[in-house]
Amino acid sequence: MKLKGIKAAAGELKEAKYARIYVNIQTGEVIAMTYIDSNSFSTFKDESIYEVCRYNYRYNNPTMAWIKEQVEQKLFELGIQ
């Protein structure tokens, strides 16, 4: 699956303290959503959008390679390649 939006997600994470990364398994779109605390999350009506991981500015480095690795790991767990 071709992933799209990784560069935009990395840019979003560089300004964030807390965020979650999501992926749409039908389109390959990667989405980063920022939040005010680490316990916030979003729900989507579209069932093809899955949460990949949490992002915390203290522990994670928001590079494009890190995001791609996290998304590919989630897709592997879901059985999607």
N, C-alpha and C. Protein backbone atom coordinates (compact mmCIF):
# COMPACT_ATOMS: atom_id res chain seq x y z
N MET A 1 0.84 -1.17 0.00
CA MET A 1 0.00 0.00 0.00
C MET A 1 0.89 1.24 0.00
N LYS A 2 0.57 2.19 -0.84
CA LYS A 2 1.31 3.44 -0.91
C LYS A 2 0.76 4.38 0.16
N LEU A 3 1.65 4.88 1.00
CA LEU A 3 1.26 5.78 2.09
C LEU A 3 1.39 7.23 1.63
N LYS A 4 0.40 8.04 2.01
CA LYS A 4 0.39 9.46 1.66
C LYS A 4 0.24 10.28 2.94
N GLY A 5 0.80 11.45 2.95
CA GLY A 5 0.61 12.38 4.06
C GLY A 5 1.62 12.24 5.19
N ILE A 6 2.68 11.47 4.99
CA ILE A 6 3.67 11.29 6.06
C ILE A 6 4.42 12.59 6.34
N LYS A 7 4.77 13.33 5.29
CA LYS A 7 5.50 14.59 5.48
C LYS A 7 4.63 15.61 6.22
N ALA A 8 3.36 15.68 5.87
CA ALA A 8 2.45 16.60 6.55
C ALA A 8 2.26 16.20 8.01
N ALA A 9 2.18 14.90 8.26
CA ALA A 9 2.04 14.42 9.63
C ALA A 9 3.27 14.75 10.45
N ALA A 10 4.46 14.61 9.87
CA ALA A 10 5.69 14.95 10.58
C ALA A 10 5.73 16.44 10.92
N GLY A 11 5.29 17.27 10.00
CA GLY A 11 5.24 18.71 10.25
C GLY A 11 4.27 19.05 11.36
N GLU A 12 3.15 18.36 11.40
CA GLU A 12 2.15 18.57 12.46
C GLU A 12 2.72 18.16 13.82
N LEU A 13 3.45 17.06 13.86
CA LEU A 13 3.98 16.57 15.12
C LEU A 13 5.11 17.44 15.68
N LYS A 14 5.85 18.11 14.82
CA LYS A 14 6.95 18.96 15.30
C LYS A 14 6.45 20.10 16.16
N GLU A 15 5.20 20.52 15.96
CA GLU A 15 4.62 21.61 16.73
C GLU A 15 3.78 21.11 17.91
N ALA A 16 3.60 19.80 18.03
CA ALA A 16 2.69 19.24 19.02
C ALA A 16 3.42 18.73 20.25
N LYS A 17 2.71 18.74 21.36
CA LYS A 17 3.20 18.09 22.56
C LYS A 17 2.59 16.70 22.67
N TYR A 18 1.32 16.59 22.37
CA TYR A 18 0.63 15.29 22.41
C TYR A 18 -0.17 15.14 21.13
N ALA A 19 -0.14 13.94 20.57
CA ALA A 19 -0.87 13.69 19.34
C ALA A 19 -1.11 12.20 19.18
N ARG A 20 -1.91 11.87 18.22
CA ARG A 20 -2.12 10.48 17.81
C ARG A 20 -2.02 10.43 16.30
N ILE A 21 -1.50 9.33 15.82
CA ILE A 21 -1.37 9.13 14.38
C ILE A 21 -2.41 8.12 13.95
N TYR A 22 -3.09 8.42 12.86
CA TYR A 22 -4.12 7.55 12.31
C TYR A 22 -3.78 7.23 10.87
N VAL A 23 -4.31 6.11 10.37
CA VAL A 23 -4.12 5.73 8.98
C VAL A 23 -5.45 5.24 8.42
N ASN A 24 -5.74 5.66 7.20
CA ASN A 24 -6.91 5.17 6.47
C ASN A 24 -6.44 3.98 5.64
N ILE A 25 -6.94 2.79 5.94
CA ILE A 25 -6.43 1.59 5.28
C ILE A 25 -6.94 1.45 3.85
N GLN A 26 -7.94 2.21 3.45
CA GLN A 26 -8.41 2.15 2.07
C GLN A 26 -7.62 3.08 1.16
N THR A 27 -7.29 4.27 1.66
CA THR A 27 -6.61 5.26 0.81
C THR A 27 -5.11 5.35 1.09
N GLY A 28 -4.65 4.87 2.24
CA GLY A 28 -3.25 4.99 2.61
C GLY A 28 -2.89 6.34 3.18
N GLU A 29 -3.87 7.16 3.51
CA GLU A 29 -3.65 8.50 4.04
C GLU A 29 -3.26 8.42 5.52
N VAL A 30 -2.15 9.07 5.87
CA VAL A 30 -1.67 9.13 7.25
C VAL A 30 -2.08 10.49 7.82
N ILE A 31 -2.67 10.48 9.01
CA ILE A 31 -3.20 11.69 9.62
C ILE A 31 -2.62 11.83 11.02
N ALA A 32 -2.14 13.01 11.38
CA ALA A 32 -1.71 13.31 12.74
C ALA A 32 -2.67 14.33 13.33
N MET A 33 -3.21 14.01 14.49
CA MET A 33 -4.14 14.92 15.17
C MET A 33 -3.50 15.31 16.49
N THR A 34 -3.40 16.63 16.76
CA THR A 34 -2.79 17.11 18.00
C THR A 34 -3.87 17.31 19.06
N TYR A 35 -3.45 17.15 20.32
CA TYR A 35 -4.37 17.28 21.45
C TYR A 35 -3.70 18.06 22.58
N ILE A 36 -4.49 18.47 23.56
CA ILE A 36 -3.95 19.25 24.67
C ILE A 36 -3.39 18.37 25.78
N ASP A 37 -3.75 17.08 25.79
CA ASP A 37 -3.20 16.17 26.77
C ASP A 37 -3.03 14.78 26.16
N SER A 38 -2.40 13.89 26.88
CA SER A 38 -2.10 12.58 26.32
C SER A 38 -3.27 11.60 26.34
N ASN A 39 -4.36 11.96 26.99
CA ASN A 39 -5.51 11.05 27.08
C ASN A 39 -6.61 11.35 26.07
N SER A 40 -6.46 12.38 25.29
CA SER A 40 -7.48 12.73 24.30
C SER A 40 -7.34 11.87 23.05
N PHE A 41 -8.46 11.69 22.35
CA PHE A 41 -8.46 10.92 21.11
C PHE A 41 -9.66 11.34 20.27
N SER A 42 -9.70 10.88 19.03
CA SER A 42 -10.80 11.17 18.12
C SER A 42 -11.46 9.87 17.70
N THR A 43 -12.74 9.97 17.40
CA THR A 43 -13.45 8.83 16.82
C THR A 43 -13.92 9.26 15.43
N PHE A 44 -13.91 8.32 14.52
CA PHE A 44 -14.28 8.61 13.14
C PHE A 44 -15.45 7.73 12.73
N LYS A 45 -16.34 8.27 11.92
CA LYS A 45 -17.45 7.47 11.39
C LYS A 45 -16.95 6.45 10.37
N ASP A 46 -15.88 6.81 9.68
CA ASP A 46 -15.30 5.93 8.67
C ASP A 46 -14.57 4.78 9.37
N GLU A 47 -15.01 3.57 9.17
CA GLU A 47 -14.43 2.41 9.85
C GLU A 47 -13.10 1.99 9.26
N SER A 48 -12.66 2.62 8.18
CA SER A 48 -11.37 2.27 7.59
C SER A 48 -10.21 3.08 8.18
N ILE A 49 -10.49 3.94 9.17
CA ILE A 49 -9.45 4.73 9.82
C ILE A 49 -9.10 4.06 11.15
N TYR A 50 -7.81 3.74 11.29
CA TYR A 50 -7.32 3.07 12.50
C TYR A 50 -6.29 3.94 13.20
N GLU A 51 -6.27 3.87 14.52
CA GLU A 51 -5.23 4.55 15.28
C GLU A 51 -3.94 3.75 15.17
N VAL A 52 -2.86 4.44 14.86
CA VAL A 52 -1.56 3.79 14.74
C VAL A 52 -0.85 3.82 16.08
N CYS A 53 -0.67 5.01 16.65
CA CYS A 53 0.04 5.13 17.92
C CYS A 53 -0.18 6.52 18.51
N ARG A 54 0.26 6.65 19.76
CA ARG A 54 0.29 7.95 20.42
C ARG A 54 1.63 8.61 20.16
N TYR A 55 1.65 9.92 20.24
CA TYR A 55 2.90 10.67 20.14
C TYR A 55 3.02 11.53 21.40
N ASN A 56 4.18 11.49 22.04
CA ASN A 56 4.47 12.31 23.19
C ASN A 56 5.82 12.97 22.95
N TYR A 57 5.86 14.28 23.03
CA TYR A 57 7.08 15.02 22.69
C TYR A 57 8.27 14.65 23.56
N ARG A 58 8.05 14.08 24.74
CA ARG A 58 9.15 13.71 25.63
C ARG A 58 9.84 12.42 25.20
N TYR A 59 9.10 11.54 24.55
CA TYR A 59 9.63 10.20 24.28
C TYR A 59 9.84 9.88 22.81
N ASN A 60 9.15 10.54 21.92
CA ASN A 60 9.21 10.19 20.50
C ASN A 60 9.86 11.30 19.69
N ASN A 61 10.53 10.90 18.62
CA ASN A 61 11.15 11.83 17.69
C ASN A 61 10.31 11.84 16.41
N PRO A 62 9.66 12.96 16.09
CA PRO A 62 8.69 12.98 14.99
C PRO A 62 9.31 13.08 13.60
N THR A 63 10.08 12.08 13.21
CA THR A 63 10.66 12.08 11.87
C THR A 63 9.74 11.31 10.92
N MET A 64 9.94 11.55 9.63
CA MET A 64 9.14 10.83 8.64
C MET A 64 9.42 9.33 8.71
N ALA A 65 10.67 8.96 8.96
CA ALA A 65 11.03 7.54 9.05
C ALA A 65 10.34 6.87 10.24
N TRP A 66 10.27 7.58 11.38
CA TRP A 66 9.60 7.03 12.56
C TRP A 66 8.11 6.82 12.29
N ILE A 67 7.48 7.81 11.67
CA ILE A 67 6.05 7.71 11.36
C ILE A 67 5.80 6.55 10.40
N LYS A 68 6.60 6.45 9.36
CA LYS A 68 6.44 5.37 8.38
C LYS A 68 6.60 4.01 9.05
N GLU A 69 7.59 3.88 9.93
CA GLU A 69 7.81 2.62 10.64
C GLU A 69 6.61 2.25 11.51
N GLN A 70 6.06 3.24 12.21
CA GLN A 70 4.89 2.98 13.07
C GLN A 70 3.68 2.56 12.25
N VAL A 71 3.45 3.24 11.12
CA VAL A 71 2.31 2.92 10.26
C VAL A 71 2.47 1.53 9.65
N GLU A 72 3.67 1.22 9.16
CA GLU A 72 3.91 -0.09 8.56
C GLU A 72 3.74 -1.21 9.59
N GLN A 73 4.14 -0.96 10.84
CA GLN A 73 3.95 -1.96 11.90
C GLN A 73 2.47 -2.19 12.15
N LYS A 74 1.68 -1.12 12.18
CA LYS A 74 0.23 -1.26 12.40
C LYS A 74 -0.42 -2.00 11.24
N LEU A 75 -0.03 -1.69 10.01
CA LEU A 75 -0.58 -2.38 8.85
C LEU A 75 -0.21 -3.86 8.88
N PHE A 76 1.00 -4.19 9.32
CA PHE A 76 1.42 -5.58 9.46
C PHE A 76 0.55 -6.29 10.50
N GLU A 77 0.28 -5.62 11.62
CA GLU A 77 -0.56 -6.20 12.67
C GLU A 77 -1.98 -6.45 12.17
N LEU A 78 -2.46 -5.57 11.29
CA LEU A 78 -3.81 -5.72 10.73
C LEU A 78 -3.85 -6.73 9.56
N GLY A 79 -2.69 -7.16 9.11
CA GLY A 79 -2.62 -8.10 7.99
C GLY A 79 -2.77 -7.45 6.64
N ILE A 80 -2.39 -6.16 6.56
CA ILE A 80 -2.50 -5.40 5.32
C ILE A 80 -1.09 -5.04 4.85
N GLN A 81 -0.78 -5.30 3.59
CA GLN A 81 0.54 -4.94 3.06
C GLN A 81 0.41 -4.21 1.79
